[in-house]
C-alpha atoms as a PDB file:
ATOM      1  CA  MET A   1     -10.806  13.038  -6.723  1.00  0.00           C
ATOM      2  CA  LYS A   2      -8.844   9.885  -7.728  1.00  0.00           C
ATOM      3  CA  VAL A   3      -7.484   7.405  -5.100  1.00  0.00           C
ATOM      4  CA  LEU A   4      -5.102   4.564  -5.736  1.00  0.00           C
ATOM      5  CA  VAL A   5      -5.314   1.857  -3.209  1.00  0.00           C
ATOM      6  CA  THR A   6      -3.104  -1.312  -2.841  1.00  0.00           C
ATOM      7  CA  ALA A   7      -4.685  -4.692  -2.075  1.00  0.00           C
ATOM      8  CA  LYS A   8      -2.537  -7.698  -1.452  1.00  0.00           C
ATOM      9  CA  ARG A   9      -3.662 -11.339  -1.655  1.00  0.00           C
ATOM     10  CA  VAL A  10      -2.626 -12.986   1.606  1.00  0.00           C
ATOM     11  CA  PRO A  11      -3.411 -16.324   3.312  1.00  0.00           C
ATOM     12  CA  ASP A  12      -6.432 -16.080   5.610  1.00  0.00           C
ATOM     13  CA  PRO A  13      -4.975 -15.039   8.964  1.00  0.00           C
ATOM     14  CA  GLU A  14      -7.881 -16.949  10.692  1.00  0.00           C
ATOM     15  CA  GLN A  15      -6.284 -20.103   9.522  1.00  0.00           C
ATOM     16  CA  LYS A  16      -3.495 -21.957  11.364  1.00  0.00           C
ATOM     17  CA  VAL A  17      -0.230 -21.696   9.439  1.00  0.00           C
ATOM     18  CA  LYS A  18       2.007 -24.740   8.992  1.00  0.00           C
ATOM     19  CA  LEU A  19       5.520 -25.018   8.005  1.00  0.00           C
ATOM     20  CA  LYS A  20       6.972 -27.554   5.595  1.00  0.00           C
ATOM     21  CA  GLY A  21      10.495 -27.846   4.248  1.00  0.00           C
ATOM     22  CA  GLY A  22      11.589 -24.429   5.701  1.00  0.00           C
ATOM     23  CA  ALA A  23       8.654 -22.601   4.070  1.00  0.00           C
ATOM     24  CA  VAL A  24       4.950 -21.815   4.790  1.00  0.00           C
ATOM     25  CA  ASP A  25       2.719 -24.692   3.662  1.00  0.00           C
ATOM     26  CA  LEU A  26      -0.064 -23.096   1.532  1.00  0.00           C
ATOM     27  CA  THR A  27      -1.806 -26.364   0.819  1.00  0.00           C
ATOM     28  CA  GLY A  28      -5.509 -25.946   1.441  1.00  0.00           C
ATOM     29  CA  MET A  29      -5.139 -22.284   2.588  1.00  0.00           C
ATOM     30  CA  ASN A  30      -7.915 -19.770   1.740  1.00  0.00           C
ATOM     31  CA  PHE A  31      -6.793 -16.381   0.322  1.00  0.00           C
ATOM     32  CA  VAL A  32      -8.210 -12.989   1.227  1.00  0.00           C
ATOM     33  CA  VAL A  33      -7.468  -9.261   0.884  1.00  0.00           C
ATOM     34  CA  ASN A  34      -4.927  -8.184   3.412  1.00  0.00           C
ATOM     35  CA  PRO A  35      -6.964  -6.745   6.268  1.00  0.00           C
ATOM     36  CA  PHE A  36      -5.125  -3.489   6.545  1.00  0.00           C
ATOM     37  CA  ASP A  37      -5.533  -3.019   2.678  1.00  0.00           C
ATOM     38  CA  GLU A  38      -9.201  -3.801   3.080  1.00  0.00           C
ATOM     39  CA  TYR A  39      -9.373  -0.989   5.603  1.00  0.00           C
ATOM     40  CA  ALA A  40      -7.696   1.315   3.050  1.00  0.00           C
ATOM     41  CA  VAL A  41     -10.247   0.498   0.460  1.00  0.00           C
ATOM     42  CA  GLU A  42     -12.986   1.312   2.918  1.00  0.00           C
ATOM     43  CA  ALA A  43     -11.356   4.566   3.752  1.00  0.00           C
ATOM     44  CA  ALA A  44     -10.971   5.523   0.056  1.00  0.00           C
ATOM     45  CA  LEU A  45     -14.552   4.745  -0.591  1.00  0.00           C
ATOM     46  CA  ARG A  46     -15.636   6.978   2.343  1.00  0.00           C
ATOM     47  CA  LEU A  47     -13.531   9.809   1.036  1.00  0.00           C
ATOM     48  CA  THR A  48     -15.050   9.583  -2.429  1.00  0.00           C
ATOM     49  CA  GLU A  49     -18.813   9.226  -1.657  1.00  0.00           C
ATOM     50  CA  LYS A  50     -21.743  10.996  -0.159  1.00  0.00           C
ATOM     51  CA  ALA A  51     -22.925   8.238   2.099  1.00  0.00           C
ATOM     52  CA  ASP A  52     -26.142   9.889   3.331  1.00  0.00           C
ATOM     53  CA  ALA A  53     -27.352  10.045  -0.250  1.00  0.00           C
ATOM     54  CA  GLY A  54     -27.248   6.383  -1.147  1.00  0.00           C
ATOM     55  CA  SER A  55     -23.445   6.255  -1.192  1.00  0.00           C
ATOM     56  CA  LYS A  56     -23.369   8.475  -4.294  1.00  0.00           C
ATOM     57  CA  ARG A  57     -19.974   8.232  -5.843  1.00  0.00           C
ATOM     58  CA  LEU A  58     -17.974  11.547  -5.987  1.00  0.00           C
ATOM     59  CA  GLY A  59     -14.546  10.198  -7.119  1.00  0.00           C
ATOM     60  CA  GLU A  60     -12.744   7.282  -8.521  1.00  0.00           C
ATOM     61  CA  VAL A  61     -11.117   4.525  -6.410  1.00  0.00           C
ATOM     62  CA  VAL A  62      -8.617   2.266  -8.352  1.00  0.00           C
ATOM     63  CA  VAL A  63      -7.540  -0.931  -6.674  1.00  0.00           C
ATOM     64  CA  LEU A  64      -3.877  -2.190  -7.483  1.00  0.00           C
ATOM     65  CA  SER A  65      -2.830  -5.771  -6.578  1.00  0.00           C
ATOM     66  CA  ILE A  66       0.614  -7.355  -7.316  1.00  0.00           C
ATOM     67  CA  GLY A  67       0.701 -11.223  -7.353  1.00  0.00           C
ATOM     68  CA  PRO A  68      -0.369 -14.318  -9.149  1.00  0.00           C
ATOM     69  CA  THR A  69      -3.357 -14.517 -11.540  1.00  0.00           C
ATOM     70  CA  GLU A  70      -5.535 -15.666  -8.629  1.00  0.00           C
ATOM     71  CA  ALA A  71      -5.056 -12.135  -7.080  1.00  0.00           C
ATOM     72  CA  THR A  72      -7.744 -10.835  -9.468  1.00  0.00           C
ATOM     73  CA  GLN A  73     -10.271 -12.554  -7.105  1.00  0.00           C
ATOM     74  CA  GLN A  74      -9.228 -10.189  -4.378  1.00  0.00           C
ATOM     75  CA  ILE A  75      -9.452  -7.215  -6.760  1.00  0.00           C
ATOM     76  CA  ARG A  76     -13.041  -8.370  -7.681  1.00  0.00           C
ATOM     77  CA  SER A  77     -13.854  -8.391  -3.933  1.00  0.00           C
ATOM     78  CA  CYS A  78     -12.718  -4.625  -3.692  1.00  0.00           C
ATOM     79  CA  LEU A  79     -14.673  -3.784  -6.754  1.00  0.00           C
ATOM     80  CA  ALA A  80     -17.763  -5.406  -5.206  1.00  0.00           C
ATOM     81  CA  MET A  81     -17.284  -3.117  -2.160  1.00  0.00           C
ATOM     82  CA  GLY A  82     -17.616  -0.073  -4.553  1.00  0.00           C
ATOM     83  CA  ALA A  83     -14.216   0.647  -6.162  1.00  0.00           C
ATOM     84  CA  GLU A  84     -14.498   1.717  -9.794  1.00  0.00           C
ATOM     85  CA  ARG A  85     -11.707  -0.457 -11.479  1.00  0.00           C
ATOM     86  CA  GLY A  86      -8.636  -2.580 -10.820  1.00  0.00           C
ATOM     87  CA  ILE A  87      -5.063  -3.062 -12.002  1.00  0.00           C
ATOM     88  CA  HIS A  88      -3.230  -6.372 -11.710  1.00  0.00           C
ATOM     89  CA  VAL A  89       0.426  -6.615 -12.018  1.00  0.00           C
ATOM     90  CA  PRO A  90       1.510 -10.243 -12.297  1.00  0.00           C
ATOM     91  CA  GLY A  91       4.141 -11.264  -9.814  1.00  0.00           C
ATOM     92  CA  ASN A  92       5.417 -14.090  -7.669  1.00  0.00           C
ATOM     93  CA  ASP A  93       4.902 -13.648  -3.905  1.00  0.00           C
ATOM     94  CA  ASP A  94       7.761 -16.066  -3.123  1.00  0.00           C
ATOM     95  CA  THR A  95      10.353 -13.762  -4.760  1.00  0.00           C
ATOM     96  CA  LEU A  96       8.852 -10.252  -4.258  1.00  0.00           C
ATOM     97  CA  ASP A  97      10.270  -8.136  -1.519  1.00  0.00           C
ATOM     98  CA  SER A  98       9.227  -4.732  -0.148  1.00  0.00           C
ATOM     99  CA  GLU A  99      11.697  -2.804  -2.369  1.00  0.00           C
ATOM    100  CA  GLN A 100      10.403  -4.415  -5.518  1.00  0.00           C
ATOM    101  CA  VAL A 101       6.796  -3.958  -4.552  1.00  0.00           C
ATOM    102  CA  ALA A 102       7.481  -0.313  -3.875  1.00  0.00           C
ATOM    103  CA  ARG A 103       9.073   0.264  -7.134  1.00  0.00           C
ATOM    104  CA  ILE A 104       6.154  -1.366  -8.994  1.00  0.00           C
ATOM    105  CA  ILE A 105       3.675   0.785  -6.973  1.00  0.00           C
ATOM    106  CA  ALA A 106       5.598   3.900  -7.846  1.00  0.00           C
ATOM    107  CA  ALA A 107       5.553   3.028 -11.551  1.00  0.00           C
ATOM    108  CA  VAL A 108       1.838   2.429 -11.466  1.00  0.00           C
ATOM    109  CA  TYR A 109       1.327   5.724  -9.561  1.00  0.00           C
ATOM    110  CA  ASN A 110       3.262   7.580 -12.300  1.00  0.00           C
ATOM    111  CA  LYS A 111       0.869   6.153 -14.926  1.00  0.00           C
ATOM    112  CA  GLU A 112      -2.363   6.714 -13.008  1.00  0.00           C
ATOM    113  CA  LYS A 113      -1.525  10.103 -11.514  1.00  0.00           C
ATOM    114  CA  PRO A 114      -3.866   9.783  -8.513  1.00  0.00           C
ATOM    115  CA  ASP A 115      -4.472  12.613  -6.005  1.00  0.00           C
ATOM    116  CA  LEU A 116      -3.823  10.089  -3.099  1.00  0.00           C
ATOM    117  CA  LEU A 117      -2.099   6.751  -2.826  1.00  0.00           C
ATOM    118  CA  LEU A 118      -3.659   4.888   0.131  1.00  0.00           C
ATOM    119  CA  MET A 119      -2.171   1.626   1.550  1.00  0.00           C
ATOM    120  CA  GLY A 120      -2.624  -0.583   4.536  1.00  0.00           C
ATOM    121  CA  LYS A 121       0.234  -0.079   7.023  1.00  0.00           C
ATOM    122  CA  GLN A 122       1.609  -3.603   6.553  1.00  0.00           C
ATOM    123  CA  THR A 123       0.589  -6.997   5.209  1.00  0.00           C
ATOM    124  CA  VAL A 124      -0.149  -9.846   7.612  1.00  0.00           C
ATOM    125  CA  ASP A 125       2.109 -12.339   5.938  1.00  0.00           C
ATOM    126  CA  GLY A 126       5.348 -10.424   5.565  1.00  0.00           C
ATOM    127  CA  ASP A 127       4.608  -7.850   8.370  1.00  0.00           C
ATOM    128  CA  ASN A 128       7.539  -5.649   7.062  1.00  0.00           C
ATOM    129  CA  ASN A 129       5.819  -2.167   7.189  1.00  0.00           C
ATOM    130  CA  GLN A 130       8.307  -0.846   4.589  1.00  0.00           C
ATOM    131  CA  ALA A 131       6.499  -0.414   1.261  1.00  0.00           C
ATOM    132  CA  THR A 132       4.589   2.802   1.992  1.00  0.00           C
ATOM    133  CA  GLN A 133       7.644   4.577   3.214  1.00  0.00           C
ATOM    134  CA  LEU A 134       9.892   3.433   0.319  1.00  0.00           C
ATOM    135  CA  VAL A 135       7.079   4.446  -2.230  1.00  0.00           C
ATOM    136  CA  ALA A 136       6.836   7.956  -0.702  1.00  0.00           C
ATOM    137  CA  GLY A 137      10.662   8.266  -0.962  1.00  0.00           C
ATOM    138  CA  TYR A 138      10.889   7.105  -4.547  1.00  0.00           C
ATOM    139  CA  LEU A 139       8.021   9.338  -5.565  1.00  0.00           C
ATOM    140  CA  ASN A 140       9.407  12.346  -3.317  1.00  0.00           C
ATOM    141  CA  LEU A 141       5.790  12.880  -2.013  1.00  0.00           C
ATOM    142  CA  PRO A 142       4.637  13.832   1.562  1.00  0.00           C
ATOM    143  CA  GLN A 143       3.514  10.830   3.635  1.00  0.00           C
ATOM    144  CA  ALA A 144       1.697   9.992   6.808  1.00  0.00           C
ATOM    145  CA  CYS A 145       1.747   6.491   8.249  1.00  0.00           C
ATOM    146  CA  PHE A 146      -0.499   4.631  10.687  1.00  0.00           C
ATOM    147  CA  ALA A 147      -3.478   6.940   9.933  1.00  0.00           C
ATOM    148  CA  ALA A 148      -6.396   6.615  12.459  1.00  0.00           C
ATOM    149  CA  THR A 149      -8.403   9.525  10.906  1.00  0.00           C
ATOM    150  CA  LEU A 150      -8.649  11.189   7.587  1.00  0.00           C
ATOM    151  CA  GLU A 151     -10.323  14.582   6.873  1.00  0.00           C
ATOM    152  CA  LEU A 152     -10.490  15.923   3.253  1.00  0.00           C
ATOM    153  CA  ALA A 153     -10.322  19.614   3.012  1.00  0.00           C
ATOM    154  CA  GLN A 154     -13.452  21.385   1.638  1.00  0.00           C
ATOM    155  CA  ASP A 155     -11.398  22.599  -1.310  1.00  0.00           C
ATOM    156  CA  LYS A 156     -10.325  18.953  -1.951  1.00  0.00           C
ATOM    157  CA  LYS A 157      -6.576  20.022  -2.218  1.00  0.00           C
ATOM    158  CA  SER A 158      -5.308  18.594   0.979  1.00  0.00           C
ATOM    159  CA  LEU A 159      -5.805  15.904   3.612  1.00  0.00           C
ATOM    160  CA  THR A 160      -5.658  16.177   7.399  1.00  0.00           C
ATOM    161  CA  VAL A 161      -4.403  12.966   8.916  1.00  0.00           C
ATOM    162  CA  GLY A 162      -4.482  11.928  12.520  1.00  0.00           C
ATOM    163  CA  ARG A 163      -1.709   9.351  12.916  1.00  0.00           C
ATOM    164  CA  GLU A 164      -1.134   7.096  15.861  1.00  0.00           C
ATOM    165  CA  ILE A 165       2.101   7.501  17.796  1.00  0.00           C
ATOM    166  CA  ASP A 166       3.349   6.226  21.146  1.00  0.00           C
ATOM    167  CA  GLY A 167       2.122   9.225  23.004  1.00  0.00           C
ATOM    168  CA  GLY A 168      -1.284   9.533  21.345  1.00  0.00           C
ATOM    169  CA  VAL A 169      -2.273  11.061  17.972  1.00  0.00           C
ATOM    170  CA  GLU A 170      -0.187  13.348  15.727  1.00  0.00           C
ATOM    171  CA  ILE A 171      -2.004  15.616  13.294  1.00  0.00           C
ATOM    172  CA  LYS A 172      -0.557  16.259   9.913  1.00  0.00           C
ATOM    173  CA  LYS A 173      -1.790  18.268   6.938  1.00  0.00           C
ATOM    174  CA  LEU A 174      -0.711  16.892   3.601  1.00  0.00           C
ATOM    175  CA  PRO A 175      -1.238  18.679   0.230  1.00  0.00           C
ATOM    176  CA  PHE A 176      -2.157  16.464  -2.734  1.00  0.00           C
ATOM    177  CA  PRO A 177      -0.709  14.382  -4.132  1.00  0.00           C
ATOM    178  CA  CYS A 178       0.516  12.394  -1.145  1.00  0.00           C
ATOM    179  CA  VAL A 179       0.860   8.859   0.267  1.00  0.00           C
ATOM    180  CA  VAL A 180      -0.845   7.643   3.356  1.00  0.00           C
ATOM    181  CA  SER A 181      -0.957   4.266   5.148  1.00  0.00           C
ATOM    182  CA  VAL A 182      -3.819   3.328   7.457  1.00  0.00           C
ATOM    183  CA  ASP A 183      -4.122   1.596  10.782  1.00  0.00           C
ATOM    184  CA  LEU A 184      -6.934  -0.304  12.591  1.00  0.00           C
ATOM    185  CA  ARG A 185      -8.966   2.760  13.791  1.00  0.00           C
ATOM    186  CA  ILE A 186      -9.418   4.050  10.295  1.00  0.00           C
ATOM    187  CA  VAL A 187     -12.684   2.020  10.020  1.00  0.00           C
ATOM    188  CA  LEU A 188     -14.306   3.410  13.221  1.00  0.00           C
ATOM    189  CA  PRO A 189     -17.757   5.114  12.532  1.00  0.00           C
ATOM    190  CA  LYS A 190     -16.592   8.668  12.233  1.00  0.00           C
ATOM    191  CA  ALA A 191     -12.806   8.236  11.292  1.00  0.00           C
ATOM    192  CA  VAL A 192     -13.135   9.609   7.807  1.00  0.00           C
ATOM    193  CA  LYS A 193     -14.705  12.930   6.908  1.00  0.00           C
ATOM    194  CA  ASN A 194     -14.989  14.317   3.405  1.00  0.00           C
ATOM    195  CA  HIS A 195     -17.312  17.440   3.941  1.00  0.00           C
ATOM    196  CA  GLU A 196     -19.767  15.853   1.402  1.00  0.00           C
ATOM    197  CA  THR A 197     -21.306  13.208   3.664  1.00  0.00           C
ATOM    198  CA  ALA A 198     -23.213  14.803   6.581  1.00  0.00           C
ATOM    199  CA  ALA A 199     -21.221  15.223   9.759  1.00  0.00           C
ATOM    200  CA  THR A 200     -24.017  13.526  11.655  1.00  0.00           C
ATOM    201  CA  HIS A 201     -23.673  10.334   9.631  1.00  0.00           C
ATOM    202  CA  GLU A 202     -22.015   7.261  11.265  1.00  0.00           C
ATOM    203  CA  TYR A 203     -20.687   4.429   9.327  1.00  0.00           C
ATOM    204  CA  ALA A 204     -20.971   0.840  10.663  1.00  0.00           C
ATOM    205  CA  GLU A 205     -17.693  -0.097  12.301  1.00  0.00           C
ATOM    206  CA  GLY A 206     -15.170  -2.069  10.026  1.00  0.00           C
ATOM    207  CA  PRO A 207     -14.992  -2.365   6.274  1.00  0.00           C
ATOM    208  CA  ARG A 208     -18.345  -2.706   4.419  1.00  0.00           C
ATOM    209  CA  TYR A 209     -19.747  -6.082   3.133  1.00  0.00           C
ATOM    210  CA  ALA A 210     -20.244  -6.284  -0.593  1.00  0.00           C
ATOM    211  CA  SER A 211     -24.034  -6.179  -1.468  1.00  0.00           C
ATOM    212  CA  LEU A 212     -25.392  -8.654  -4.053  1.00  0.00           C
ATOM    213  CA  LYS A 213     -25.753  -5.676  -6.404  1.00  0.00           C
ATOM    214  CA  GLY A 214     -22.200  -4.698  -5.853  1.00  0.00           C
ATOM    215  CA  ILE A 215     -20.973  -8.348  -6.488  1.00  0.00           C
ATOM    216  CA  MET A 216     -22.899  -8.422  -9.801  1.00  0.00           C
ATOM    217  CA  GLN A 217     -21.557  -5.063 -10.854  1.00  0.00           C
ATOM    218  CA  ALA A 218     -18.039  -6.075 -10.044  1.00  0.00           C
ATOM    219  CA  LYS A 219     -18.162  -8.798 -12.702  1.00  0.00           C
ATOM    220  CA  LYS A 220     -18.481  -6.078 -15.304  1.00  0.00           C
ATOM    221  CA  LYS A 221     -15.794  -3.715 -13.956  1.00  0.00           C
ATOM    222  CA  LYS A 222     -12.549  -3.448 -15.768  1.00  0.00           C
ATOM    223  CA  ILE A 223      -9.371  -4.904 -14.392  1.00  0.00           C
ATOM    224  CA  ASP A 224      -6.223  -3.888 -16.436  1.00  0.00           C
ATOM    225  CA  THR A 225      -2.998  -5.942 -16.496  1.00  0.00           C
ATOM    226  CA  MET A 226       0.321  -4.048 -16.405  1.00  0.00           C
ATOM    227  CA  ASP A 227       3.482  -6.095 -16.997  1.00  0.00           C
ATOM    228  CA  VAL A 228       6.444  -5.412 -14.734  1.00  0.00           C
ATOM    229  CA  SER A 229       8.762  -5.143 -17.804  1.00  0.00           C
ATOM    230  CA  ALA A 230       6.472  -2.594 -19.453  1.00  0.00           C
ATOM    231  CA  LEU A 231       6.517  -0.569 -16.220  1.00  0.00           C
ATOM    232  CA  GLY A 232      10.374  -0.491 -16.472  1.00  0.00           C
ATOM    233  CA  VAL A 233      10.938  -2.130 -13.052  1.00  0.00           C
ATOM    234  CA  SER A 234      13.822  -4.432 -12.309  1.00  0.00           C
ATOM    235  CA  LEU A 235      12.884  -7.476 -10.212  1.00  0.00           C
ATOM    236  CA  ALA A 236      16.468  -8.004  -8.853  1.00  0.00           C
ATOM    237  CA  PRO A 237      15.768  -9.114  -5.268  1.00  0.00           C
ATOM    238  CA  ARG A 238      17.255  -7.211  -2.367  1.00  0.00           C
ATOM    239  CA  VAL A 239      16.119  -9.613   0.237  1.00  0.00           C
ATOM    240  CA  LYS A 240      16.436 -13.478   0.212  1.00  0.00           C
ATOM    241  CA  ILE A 241      14.690 -15.717   2.810  1.00  0.00           C
ATOM    242  CA  GLY A 242      16.868 -18.703   3.784  1.00  0.00           C
ATOM    243  CA  ALA A 243      14.415 -20.559   5.840  1.00  0.00           C
ATOM    244  CA  LEU A 244      11.491 -20.367   8.288  1.00  0.00           C
ATOM    245  CA  GLU A 245      11.239 -22.222  11.563  1.00  0.00           C
ATOM    246  CA  SER A 246       8.878 -22.399  14.406  1.00  0.00           C
ATOM    247  CA  PRO A 247       9.980 -20.886  17.844  1.00  0.00           C
ATOM    248  CA  PRO A 248      10.956 -23.444  20.488  1.00  0.00           C
ATOM    249  CA  GLU A 249       8.112 -24.807  22.505  1.00  0.00           C
ATOM    250  CA  ARG A 250       7.836 -23.300  25.968  1.00  0.00           C
ATOM    251  CA  LYS A 251       8.255 -25.382  29.083  1.00  0.00           C
ATOM    252  CA  ALA A 252       5.273 -25.911  31.233  1.00  0.00           C
ATOM    253  CA  GLY A 253       4.838 -23.508  34.182  1.00  0.00           C
ATOM    254  CA  ILE A 254       4.898 -24.455  37.841  1.00  0.00           C
ATOM    255  CA  LYS A 255       2.804 -23.630  40.822  1.00  0.00           C
ATOM    256  CA  VAL A 256       4.093 -21.884  43.898  1.00  0.00           C
ATOM    257  CA  GLU A 257       2.827 -21.975  47.506  1.00  0.00           C
ATOM    258  CA  SER A 258       3.363 -18.362  48.484  1.00  0.00           C
ATOM    259  CA  VAL A 259       4.463 -14.969  47.245  1.00  0.00           C
ATOM    260  CA  ASP A 260       7.790 -15.387  48.905  1.00  0.00           C
ATOM    261  CA  GLU A 261       8.498 -18.523  46.897  1.00  0.00           C
ATOM    262  CA  LEU A 262       7.493 -16.774  43.742  1.00  0.00           C
ATOM    263  CA  VAL A 263       9.758 -13.944  44.413  1.00  0.00           C
ATOM    264  CA  GLU A 264      12.628 -16.318  45.214  1.00  0.00           C
ATOM    265  CA  LYS A 265      12.148 -18.231  41.921  1.00  0.00           C
ATOM    266  CA  LEU A 266      12.064 -14.975  39.978  1.00  0.00           C
ATOM    267  CA  LYS A 267      15.340 -14.015  41.551  1.00  0.00           C
ATOM    268  CA  THR A 268      17.160 -17.417  41.397  1.00  0.00           C
ATOM    269  CA  GLU A 269      15.692 -19.192  38.384  1.00  0.00           C
ATOM    270  CA  ALA A 270      14.086 -16.723  36.094  1.00  0.00           C
ATOM    271  CA  LYS A 271      16.600 -13.991  37.039  1.00  0.00           C
ATOM    272  CA  VAL A 272      14.331 -11.197  36.221  1.00  0.00           C
ATOM    273  CA  LEU A 273      14.510  -9.510  39.619  1.00  0.00           C
END
């Protein structure tokens, strides 16, 4: 089984974001793998290993990242987790939009021909939640978004996806090849089943940490570079960002002496009643 996983380089969401000149000031920012993409890598590894036998690899996980040269560092992080190889497509984060990204991913998919394209539901910098749906449309493949659980069929020809919806969880069975985006709960201890790892096995919650052995092995793993022009993708932008600005500061709240006074102010001042 072959899984292609996307992994974008994003500013560390734990750091405070500052604006400068109508744009995000990246001075001094640390960059990490987009958290939802890291969850997708973890899910891909769980699908393609026998975890109760020393994490024996049973398939291939290929990590794709689109971005500046520095994005290879994030690819190496995924390789250290256990992925077999990486693909880097040079690009400029300031000019790439969801449509361009989707077409690049689709072009790489057509070259790699994986059984499964696995993506995070969205990136924490753009928060667009568009690329997965666009890729599935361009490739004319079945898709399931916001996956909370994955179960690989015993014959390895289909995937059962439990996807989060407003009313609970919707179950979909997708034949391979297909496209899936993952949500937060995909890294719960028993969220992924592949009928190779024993059903009694429980993973630690969250994406795995890279071991020292994994970090050393990652240095030797291959990262291919694919140029956008060679992929036949046009980078004509569909979206242009004019400027960014912080929301207005909220006024300080006030204290009230009684419930009656609170109700009155909600009626006359806030006008929400």
